[in-house]
Amino acid sequence: MADGCRVSCASRRVFITRIPGLVLAAWVGADASAAEAMYVVTEMTGVDLDPTHKAFPIPSGDGVTIDKKTSVILVRFQGKVMAFNLACPHENTALRWKQAVGRFECTKHDSKYSPDGTYIGGRATRNMDRLKIERQGDTVVVDLSDLIKSDAQPAEWKAAVIVV
């Protein structure tokens, strides 16, 4: 019995000591592949409706659409569509979508934001600025003149979404 315990106990110890590394590797791998599979990043120029309104097609799946010309980011995330200002609220540096980690980041001061624009960390002190949007059929109309700041207009910021 002592020899049997020595073999089975040693095997159990080796197995138990390797579990955290295996779980971490599986978790990190699944998280990165989920971020890559979930978000399609496209560049598109919206259709001008007037000087302050642009129309974009509603994205067919979760993803990020960037209109560099008008500094608009359109995001479909978890059944909602939101429009954001391309500039970081900290010092107006252009935000970038980091596919590998599934979030927006500011390259100037390392601010980080979730896909729905919620502030995660870095020098910024608030969420990404949203733009007022409305649905018209299969398009989203973005009001370029109505920048909504989460700290000054929390209710409006939260409401600036379209459920799809």
N, C-alpha and C. Protein backbone atom coordinates (compact mmCIF):
# COMPACT_ATOMS: atom_id res chain seq x y z
N MET A 1 0.82 -1.20 0.00
CA MET A 1 0.00 0.00 0.00
C MET A 1 0.87 1.26 0.00
N ALA A 2 1.99 1.20 0.70
CA ALA A 2 2.87 2.37 0.73
C ALA A 2 3.39 2.68 -0.66
N ASP A 3 3.76 1.63 -1.45
CA ASP A 3 4.24 1.86 -2.81
C ASP A 3 3.13 2.41 -3.69
N GLY A 4 1.90 1.89 -3.52
CA GLY A 4 0.76 2.37 -4.31
C GLY A 4 0.46 3.83 -4.01
N CYS A 5 0.55 4.22 -2.75
CA CYS A 5 0.31 5.62 -2.38
C CYS A 5 1.40 6.52 -2.93
N ARG A 6 2.64 6.01 -2.88
CA ARG A 6 3.75 6.82 -3.37
C ARG A 6 3.54 7.17 -4.85
N VAL A 7 3.11 6.23 -5.65
CA VAL A 7 2.90 6.47 -7.08
C VAL A 7 1.67 7.34 -7.31
N SER A 8 0.54 6.96 -6.68
CA SER A 8 -0.69 7.72 -6.91
C SER A 8 -0.63 9.10 -6.27
N CYS A 9 0.00 9.23 -5.10
CA CYS A 9 0.12 10.54 -4.46
C CYS A 9 1.03 11.46 -5.26
N ALA A 10 2.13 10.91 -5.78
CA ALA A 10 3.04 11.71 -6.60
C ALA A 10 2.33 12.18 -7.86
N SER A 11 1.57 11.30 -8.50
CA SER A 11 0.84 11.67 -9.72
C SER A 11 -0.19 12.74 -9.42
N ARG A 12 -0.86 12.61 -8.29
CA ARG A 12 -1.87 13.59 -7.89
C ARG A 12 -1.22 14.95 -7.63
N ARG A 13 -0.04 14.94 -6.94
CA ARG A 13 0.67 16.20 -6.67
C ARG A 13 1.07 16.89 -7.96
N VAL A 14 1.62 16.15 -8.90
CA VAL A 14 2.03 16.71 -10.19
C VAL A 14 0.82 17.30 -10.90
N PHE A 15 -0.29 16.55 -10.91
CA PHE A 15 -1.51 17.00 -11.57
C PHE A 15 -2.02 18.30 -10.93
N ILE A 16 -2.09 18.31 -9.59
CA ILE A 16 -2.60 19.48 -8.87
C ILE A 16 -1.72 20.70 -9.09
N THR A 17 -0.39 20.52 -9.12
CA THR A 17 0.49 21.68 -9.32
C THR A 17 0.40 22.22 -10.74
N ARG A 18 -0.04 21.41 -11.69
CA ARG A 18 -0.13 21.88 -13.08
C ARG A 18 -1.48 22.48 -13.42
N ILE A 19 -2.50 22.26 -12.61
CA ILE A 19 -3.85 22.77 -12.90
C ILE A 19 -3.88 24.29 -13.10
N PRO A 20 -3.31 25.11 -12.18
CA PRO A 20 -3.41 26.56 -12.38
C PRO A 20 -2.85 27.01 -13.73
N GLY A 21 -1.72 26.45 -14.14
CA GLY A 21 -1.13 26.84 -15.43
C GLY A 21 -2.00 26.42 -16.60
N LEU A 22 -2.57 25.22 -16.53
CA LEU A 22 -3.44 24.75 -17.60
C LEU A 22 -4.71 25.58 -17.69
N VAL A 23 -5.30 25.88 -16.54
CA VAL A 23 -6.52 26.69 -16.51
C VAL A 23 -6.22 28.10 -17.04
N LEU A 24 -5.13 28.71 -16.61
CA LEU A 24 -4.77 30.04 -17.08
C LEU A 24 -4.54 30.04 -18.59
N ALA A 25 -3.81 29.06 -19.08
CA ALA A 25 -3.55 28.98 -20.52
C ALA A 25 -4.85 28.83 -21.30
N ALA A 26 -5.74 28.00 -20.82
CA ALA A 26 -7.03 27.80 -21.50
C ALA A 26 -7.86 29.07 -21.45
N TRP A 27 -7.88 29.75 -20.30
CA TRP A 27 -8.66 30.96 -20.13
C TRP A 27 -8.14 32.07 -21.03
N VAL A 28 -6.83 32.30 -21.04
CA VAL A 28 -6.24 33.35 -21.87
C VAL A 28 -6.46 33.05 -23.33
N GLY A 29 -6.26 31.81 -23.73
CA GLY A 29 -6.47 31.44 -25.13
C GLY A 29 -7.91 31.62 -25.55
N ALA A 30 -8.85 31.23 -24.72
CA ALA A 30 -10.27 31.38 -25.05
C ALA A 30 -10.65 32.84 -25.10
N ASP A 31 -10.13 33.64 -24.17
CA ASP A 31 -10.45 35.06 -24.13
C ASP A 31 -9.95 35.77 -25.38
N ALA A 32 -8.73 35.51 -25.79
CA ALA A 32 -8.17 36.16 -26.97
C ALA A 32 -8.89 35.72 -28.22
N SER A 33 -9.17 34.44 -28.36
CA SER A 33 -9.84 33.99 -29.57
C SER A 33 -11.27 34.49 -29.62
N ALA A 34 -11.94 34.63 -28.47
CA ALA A 34 -13.30 35.16 -28.44
C ALA A 34 -13.30 36.61 -28.90
N ALA A 35 -12.30 37.39 -28.45
CA ALA A 35 -12.22 38.79 -28.86
C ALA A 35 -11.99 38.89 -30.36
N GLU A 36 -11.12 38.05 -30.90
CA GLU A 36 -10.83 38.09 -32.33
C GLU A 36 -12.02 37.65 -33.14
N ALA A 37 -12.74 36.63 -32.69
CA ALA A 37 -13.86 36.10 -33.45
C ALA A 37 -15.07 37.03 -33.36
N MET A 38 -15.19 37.75 -32.27
CA MET A 38 -16.37 38.55 -32.02
C MET A 38 -16.38 39.86 -32.80
N TYR A 39 -15.26 40.49 -32.98
CA TYR A 39 -15.24 41.83 -33.53
C TYR A 39 -14.62 41.92 -34.90
N VAL A 40 -15.42 42.37 -35.82
CA VAL A 40 -14.94 42.68 -37.15
C VAL A 40 -14.72 44.18 -37.16
N VAL A 41 -13.56 44.62 -37.59
CA VAL A 41 -13.26 46.05 -37.64
C VAL A 41 -13.26 46.48 -39.10
N THR A 42 -14.10 47.46 -39.40
CA THR A 42 -14.18 47.97 -40.77
C THR A 42 -14.05 49.48 -40.77
N GLU A 43 -13.62 49.99 -41.91
CA GLU A 43 -13.56 51.43 -42.09
C GLU A 43 -14.63 51.79 -43.10
N MET A 44 -15.41 52.82 -42.80
CA MET A 44 -16.51 53.19 -43.67
C MET A 44 -16.77 54.69 -43.54
N THR A 45 -17.22 55.29 -44.60
CA THR A 45 -17.65 56.68 -44.55
C THR A 45 -19.16 56.68 -44.58
N GLY A 46 -19.76 57.32 -43.60
CA GLY A 46 -21.21 57.39 -43.54
C GLY A 46 -21.76 58.29 -44.63
N VAL A 47 -23.07 58.21 -44.81
CA VAL A 47 -23.76 59.03 -45.81
C VAL A 47 -24.20 60.33 -45.15
N ASP A 48 -23.82 61.47 -45.77
CA ASP A 48 -24.23 62.77 -45.24
C ASP A 48 -25.72 62.98 -45.45
N LEU A 49 -26.43 63.27 -44.36
CA LEU A 49 -27.85 63.63 -44.46
C LEU A 49 -28.00 65.14 -44.44
N ASP A 50 -27.16 65.77 -43.67
CA ASP A 50 -27.04 67.23 -43.59
C ASP A 50 -25.71 67.51 -42.90
N PRO A 51 -25.35 68.75 -42.67
CA PRO A 51 -24.02 69.00 -42.08
C PRO A 51 -23.76 68.36 -40.72
N THR A 52 -24.81 68.02 -39.98
CA THR A 52 -24.60 67.47 -38.63
C THR A 52 -25.09 66.04 -38.44
N HIS A 53 -25.59 65.40 -39.48
CA HIS A 53 -26.10 64.04 -39.34
C HIS A 53 -25.54 63.12 -40.41
N LYS A 54 -25.11 61.93 -39.97
CA LYS A 54 -24.58 60.90 -40.87
C LYS A 54 -25.38 59.63 -40.67
N ALA A 55 -25.58 58.89 -41.76
CA ALA A 55 -26.29 57.61 -41.70
C ALA A 55 -25.30 56.48 -41.97
N PHE A 56 -25.44 55.41 -41.19
CA PHE A 56 -24.62 54.21 -41.34
C PHE A 56 -25.55 53.00 -41.35
N PRO A 57 -25.21 51.97 -42.10
CA PRO A 57 -26.01 50.74 -42.00
C PRO A 57 -25.83 50.12 -40.62
N ILE A 58 -26.90 49.51 -40.10
CA ILE A 58 -26.78 48.82 -38.82
C ILE A 58 -25.87 47.62 -39.04
N PRO A 59 -24.81 47.50 -38.26
CA PRO A 59 -23.91 46.34 -38.41
C PRO A 59 -24.66 45.04 -38.23
N SER A 60 -24.34 44.04 -39.06
CA SER A 60 -25.04 42.76 -39.01
C SER A 60 -24.62 41.91 -37.82
N GLY A 61 -23.46 42.18 -37.25
CA GLY A 61 -23.00 41.42 -36.09
C GLY A 61 -22.10 42.30 -35.24
N ASP A 62 -21.66 41.76 -34.11
CA ASP A 62 -20.79 42.53 -33.23
C ASP A 62 -19.54 42.96 -33.99
N GLY A 63 -19.17 44.22 -33.82
CA GLY A 63 -18.00 44.73 -34.51
C GLY A 63 -17.83 46.22 -34.31
N VAL A 64 -16.77 46.74 -34.93
CA VAL A 64 -16.41 48.14 -34.81
C VAL A 64 -16.30 48.72 -36.22
N THR A 65 -17.01 49.83 -36.47
CA THR A 65 -16.93 50.55 -37.74
C THR A 65 -16.37 51.93 -37.44
N ILE A 66 -15.34 52.32 -38.18
CA ILE A 66 -14.69 53.60 -37.93
C ILE A 66 -14.84 54.49 -39.16
N ASP A 67 -15.33 55.70 -38.94
CA ASP A 67 -15.42 56.72 -39.98
C ASP A 67 -14.40 57.80 -39.61
N LYS A 68 -13.20 57.69 -40.17
CA LYS A 68 -12.13 58.63 -39.83
C LYS A 68 -12.43 60.05 -40.27
N LYS A 69 -13.15 60.18 -41.37
CA LYS A 69 -13.45 61.51 -41.92
C LYS A 69 -14.24 62.36 -40.92
N THR A 70 -15.20 61.74 -40.24
CA THR A 70 -16.02 62.49 -39.29
C THR A 70 -15.73 62.13 -37.84
N SER A 71 -14.70 61.32 -37.60
CA SER A 71 -14.28 60.94 -36.24
C SER A 71 -15.37 60.22 -35.46
N VAL A 72 -16.03 59.26 -36.12
CA VAL A 72 -17.10 58.50 -35.48
C VAL A 72 -16.70 57.03 -35.41
N ILE A 73 -16.96 56.43 -34.26
CA ILE A 73 -16.82 54.98 -34.09
C ILE A 73 -18.23 54.45 -33.85
N LEU A 74 -18.64 53.50 -34.66
CA LEU A 74 -19.93 52.84 -34.48
C LEU A 74 -19.64 51.42 -33.98
N VAL A 75 -20.26 51.04 -32.87
CA VAL A 75 -20.00 49.73 -32.27
C VAL A 75 -21.31 48.98 -32.10
N ARG A 76 -21.30 47.72 -32.50
CA ARG A 76 -22.39 46.82 -32.15
C ARG A 76 -21.81 45.86 -31.14
N PHE A 77 -22.44 45.80 -29.95
CA PHE A 77 -21.92 45.01 -28.83
C PHE A 77 -23.08 44.50 -27.99
N GLN A 78 -23.19 43.21 -27.86
CA GLN A 78 -24.19 42.56 -27.01
C GLN A 78 -25.61 43.07 -27.28
N GLY A 79 -25.99 43.11 -28.56
CA GLY A 79 -27.35 43.48 -28.94
C GLY A 79 -27.65 44.97 -28.92
N LYS A 80 -26.62 45.79 -28.82
CA LYS A 80 -26.80 47.25 -28.80
C LYS A 80 -25.85 47.89 -29.80
N VAL A 81 -26.27 49.02 -30.36
CA VAL A 81 -25.42 49.81 -31.23
C VAL A 81 -25.21 51.16 -30.56
N MET A 82 -23.95 51.61 -30.55
CA MET A 82 -23.58 52.88 -29.94
C MET A 82 -22.64 53.63 -30.89
N ALA A 83 -22.67 54.95 -30.82
CA ALA A 83 -21.75 55.77 -31.61
C ALA A 83 -20.88 56.57 -30.65
N PHE A 84 -19.59 56.59 -30.94
CA PHE A 84 -18.63 57.28 -30.08
C PHE A 84 -17.82 58.29 -30.87
N ASN A 85 -17.30 59.27 -30.16
CA ASN A 85 -16.31 60.17 -30.72
C ASN A 85 -14.99 59.39 -30.81
N LEU A 86 -14.28 59.53 -31.91
CA LEU A 86 -13.02 58.81 -32.11
C LEU A 86 -11.93 59.27 -31.15
N ALA A 87 -12.06 60.46 -30.59
CA ALA A 87 -11.03 61.03 -29.72
C ALA A 87 -11.19 60.58 -28.27
N CYS A 88 -10.06 60.29 -27.64
CA CYS A 88 -10.04 59.96 -26.22
C CYS A 88 -10.51 61.19 -25.43
N PRO A 89 -11.36 61.00 -24.42
CA PRO A 89 -11.84 62.16 -23.66
C PRO A 89 -10.76 62.83 -22.80
N HIS A 90 -9.61 62.19 -22.65
CA HIS A 90 -8.55 62.78 -21.83
C HIS A 90 -7.86 63.94 -22.54
N GLU A 91 -7.29 63.70 -23.73
CA GLU A 91 -6.61 64.77 -24.46
C GLU A 91 -6.84 64.71 -25.97
N ASN A 92 -7.96 64.14 -26.37
CA ASN A 92 -8.39 64.11 -27.78
C ASN A 92 -7.47 63.35 -28.73
N THR A 93 -6.71 62.40 -28.26
CA THR A 93 -5.90 61.55 -29.13
C THR A 93 -6.82 60.47 -29.72
N ALA A 94 -6.59 60.11 -30.97
CA ALA A 94 -7.43 59.10 -31.61
C ALA A 94 -7.32 57.76 -30.88
N LEU A 95 -8.47 57.18 -30.60
CA LEU A 95 -8.53 55.86 -29.97
C LEU A 95 -8.30 54.79 -31.01
N ARG A 96 -7.79 53.66 -30.57
CA ARG A 96 -7.55 52.52 -31.47
C ARG A 96 -8.24 51.30 -30.87
N TRP A 97 -8.77 50.46 -31.76
CA TRP A 97 -9.35 49.19 -31.32
C TRP A 97 -8.22 48.17 -31.25
N LYS A 98 -8.03 47.55 -30.12
CA LYS A 98 -7.01 46.52 -29.92
C LYS A 98 -7.69 45.16 -30.00
N GLN A 99 -7.60 44.55 -31.15
CA GLN A 99 -8.27 43.29 -31.43
C GLN A 99 -7.87 42.18 -30.45
N ALA A 100 -6.60 42.06 -30.13
CA ALA A 100 -6.11 40.96 -29.30
C ALA A 100 -6.71 40.98 -27.89
N VAL A 101 -7.06 42.16 -27.38
CA VAL A 101 -7.60 42.25 -26.03
C VAL A 101 -9.06 42.68 -26.00
N GLY A 102 -9.63 42.96 -27.17
CA GLY A 102 -11.05 43.28 -27.26
C GLY A 102 -11.46 44.56 -26.57
N ARG A 103 -10.68 45.64 -26.80
CA ARG A 103 -11.04 46.93 -26.18
C ARG A 103 -10.43 48.09 -26.97
N PHE A 104 -10.89 49.28 -26.64
CA PHE A 104 -10.31 50.50 -27.20
C PHE A 104 -9.19 50.97 -26.29
N GLU A 105 -8.14 51.55 -26.90
CA GLU A 105 -7.04 52.08 -26.11
C GLU A 105 -6.57 53.40 -26.70
N CYS A 106 -6.09 54.26 -25.83
CA CYS A 106 -5.47 55.51 -26.23
C CYS A 106 -3.97 55.31 -26.17
N THR A 107 -3.30 55.55 -27.28
CA THR A 107 -1.86 55.32 -27.34
C THR A 107 -1.06 56.39 -26.62
N LYS A 108 -1.65 57.54 -26.37
CA LYS A 108 -0.89 58.63 -25.75
C LYS A 108 -0.69 58.43 -24.25
N HIS A 109 -1.75 58.10 -23.52
CA HIS A 109 -1.63 57.96 -22.07
C HIS A 109 -2.20 56.64 -21.55
N ASP A 110 -2.35 55.65 -22.45
CA ASP A 110 -2.71 54.29 -22.06
C ASP A 110 -4.08 54.14 -21.41
N SER A 111 -5.04 55.01 -21.76
CA SER A 111 -6.40 54.81 -21.26
C SER A 111 -7.02 53.64 -22.00
N LYS A 112 -7.88 52.89 -21.29
CA LYS A 112 -8.50 51.69 -21.85
C LYS A 112 -10.00 51.76 -21.64
N TYR A 113 -10.74 51.23 -22.65
CA TYR A 113 -12.20 51.27 -22.61
C TYR A 113 -12.77 49.95 -23.12
N SER A 114 -13.85 49.51 -22.52
CA SER A 114 -14.54 48.31 -22.99
C SER A 114 -15.26 48.63 -24.29
N PRO A 115 -15.76 47.62 -25.02
CA PRO A 115 -16.44 47.88 -26.28
C PRO A 115 -17.66 48.80 -26.16
N ASP A 116 -18.29 48.86 -24.99
CA ASP A 116 -19.43 49.76 -24.83
C ASP A 116 -19.01 51.16 -24.37
N GLY A 117 -17.69 51.43 -24.39
CA GLY A 117 -17.18 52.76 -24.07
C GLY A 117 -16.92 53.01 -22.60
N THR A 118 -17.11 52.01 -21.76
CA THR A 118 -16.89 52.19 -20.32
C THR A 118 -15.39 52.25 -20.03
N TYR A 119 -15.02 53.23 -19.23
CA TYR A 119 -13.63 53.44 -18.83
C TYR A 119 -13.14 52.27 -17.98
N ILE A 120 -11.96 51.74 -18.33
CA ILE A 120 -11.36 50.63 -17.58
C ILE A 120 -10.16 51.10 -16.77
N GLY A 121 -9.29 51.90 -17.38
CA GLY A 121 -8.10 52.35 -16.67
C GLY A 121 -7.29 53.31 -17.51
N GLY A 122 -6.25 53.89 -16.91
CA GLY A 122 -5.40 54.86 -17.59
C GLY A 122 -5.64 56.26 -17.07
N ARG A 123 -5.16 57.26 -17.80
CA ARG A 123 -5.26 58.65 -17.33
C ARG A 123 -6.62 59.30 -17.50
N ALA A 124 -7.42 58.81 -18.42
CA ALA A 124 -8.75 59.41 -18.59
C ALA A 124 -9.53 59.28 -17.29
N THR A 125 -10.54 60.11 -17.14
CA THR A 125 -11.32 60.08 -15.90
C THR A 125 -12.80 59.78 -16.15
N ARG A 126 -13.15 59.47 -17.41
CA ARG A 126 -14.55 59.17 -17.71
C ARG A 126 -14.61 58.20 -18.90
N ASN A 127 -15.83 57.76 -19.18
CA ASN A 127 -16.08 56.87 -20.30
C ASN A 127 -15.85 57.61 -21.62
N MET A 128 -15.79 56.83 -22.72
CA MET A 128 -15.70 57.44 -24.05
C MET A 128 -16.93 58.30 -24.28
N ASP A 129 -16.77 59.39 -25.02
CA ASP A 129 -17.90 60.27 -25.31
C ASP A 129 -18.78 59.64 -26.38
N ARG A 130 -20.08 59.58 -26.11
CA ARG A 130 -21.04 59.02 -27.07
C ARG A 130 -21.67 60.14 -27.88
N LEU A 131 -22.24 59.75 -29.00
CA LEU A 131 -23.01 60.66 -29.84
C LEU A 131 -24.46 60.20 -29.84
N LYS A 132 -25.36 61.14 -29.93
CA LYS A 132 -26.78 60.81 -29.97
C LYS A 132 -27.07 60.06 -31.27
N ILE A 133 -27.84 58.97 -31.17
CA ILE A 133 -28.18 58.18 -32.36
C ILE A 133 -29.65 57.84 -32.35
N GLU A 134 -30.16 57.55 -33.54
CA GLU A 134 -31.52 57.05 -33.66
C GLU A 134 -31.58 56.07 -34.83
N ARG A 135 -32.52 55.16 -34.74
CA ARG A 135 -32.68 54.16 -35.79
C ARG A 135 -33.71 54.64 -36.80
N GLN A 136 -33.37 54.49 -38.08
CA GLN A 136 -34.31 54.77 -39.16
C GLN A 136 -34.25 53.59 -40.12
N GLY A 137 -35.17 52.64 -39.93
CA GLY A 137 -35.18 51.43 -40.74
C GLY A 137 -33.95 50.59 -40.45
N ASP A 138 -33.16 50.32 -41.51
CA ASP A 138 -31.96 49.52 -41.33
C ASP A 138 -30.69 50.37 -41.24
N THR A 139 -30.88 51.65 -40.89
CA THR A 139 -29.73 52.54 -40.71
C THR A 139 -29.73 53.16 -39.32
N VAL A 140 -28.57 53.63 -38.95
CA VAL A 140 -28.39 54.38 -37.71
C VAL A 140 -28.01 55.80 -38.11
N VAL A 141 -28.73 56.77 -37.59
CA VAL A 141 -28.42 58.17 -37.85
C VAL A 141 -27.69 58.72 -36.64
N VAL A 142 -26.49 59.24 -36.89
CA VAL A 142 -25.64 59.78 -35.82
C VAL A 142 -25.69 61.30 -35.89
N ASP A 143 -25.97 61.92 -34.75
CA ASP A 143 -25.98 63.38 -34.63
C ASP A 143 -24.58 63.83 -34.23
N LEU A 144 -23.83 64.37 -35.18
CA LEU A 144 -22.44 64.78 -34.93
C LEU A 144 -22.34 66.00 -34.01
N SER A 145 -23.44 66.72 -33.84
CA SER A 145 -23.40 67.94 -33.03
C SER A 145 -23.74 67.68 -31.57
N ASP A 146 -24.09 66.46 -31.21
CA ASP A 146 -24.54 66.17 -29.85
C ASP A 146 -23.59 65.19 -29.16
N LEU A 147 -22.47 65.70 -28.66
CA LEU A 147 -21.48 64.90 -27.93
C LEU A 147 -21.94 64.75 -26.48
N ILE A 148 -22.05 63.51 -26.02
CA ILE A 148 -22.57 63.23 -24.69
C ILE A 148 -21.44 62.73 -23.80
N LYS A 149 -21.16 63.46 -22.73
CA LYS A 149 -20.10 63.11 -21.78
C LYS A 149 -20.71 62.41 -20.57
N SER A 150 -20.17 61.25 -20.23
CA SER A 150 -20.75 60.42 -19.17
C SER A 150 -20.74 61.09 -17.80
N ASP A 151 -19.74 61.93 -17.53
CA ASP A 151 -19.69 62.56 -16.21
C ASP A 151 -20.67 63.72 -16.08
N ALA A 152 -20.93 64.44 -17.18
CA ALA A 152 -21.83 65.59 -17.15
C ALA A 152 -23.28 65.20 -17.45
N GLN A 153 -23.48 64.14 -18.25
CA GLN A 153 -24.82 63.73 -18.67
C GLN A 153 -24.98 62.21 -18.53
N PRO A 154 -24.93 61.67 -17.32
CA PRO A 154 -24.95 60.21 -17.16
C PRO A 154 -26.20 59.53 -17.72
N ALA A 155 -27.38 60.11 -17.54
CA ALA A 155 -28.61 59.50 -18.04
C ALA A 155 -28.63 59.50 -19.57
N GLU A 156 -28.23 60.62 -20.17
CA GLU A 156 -28.20 60.71 -21.63
C GLU A 156 -27.17 59.76 -22.22
N TRP A 157 -26.01 59.65 -21.54
CA TRP A 157 -24.95 58.75 -22.01
C TRP A 157 -25.46 57.32 -22.03
N LYS A 158 -26.09 56.91 -20.95
CA LYS A 158 -26.61 55.54 -20.85
C LYS A 158 -27.71 55.29 -21.88
N ALA A 159 -28.49 56.30 -22.20
CA ALA A 159 -29.63 56.14 -23.13
C ALA A 159 -29.21 56.22 -24.60
N ALA A 160 -27.99 56.63 -24.89
CA ALA A 160 -27.56 56.82 -26.27
C ALA A 160 -27.16 55.49 -26.90
N VAL A 161 -28.12 54.57 -26.98
CA VAL A 161 -27.93 53.25 -27.57
C VAL A 161 -29.18 52.88 -28.35
N ILE A 162 -29.00 51.97 -29.30
CA ILE A 162 -30.13 51.39 -30.02
C ILE A 162 -30.08 49.89 -29.78
N VAL A 163 -31.17 49.32 -29.38
CA VAL A 163 -31.24 47.87 -29.19
C VAL A 163 -31.57 47.24 -30.52
N VAL A 164 -30.77 46.23 -30.91
CA VAL A 164 -31.00 45.53 -32.18
C VAL A 164 -31.26 44.05 -31.96
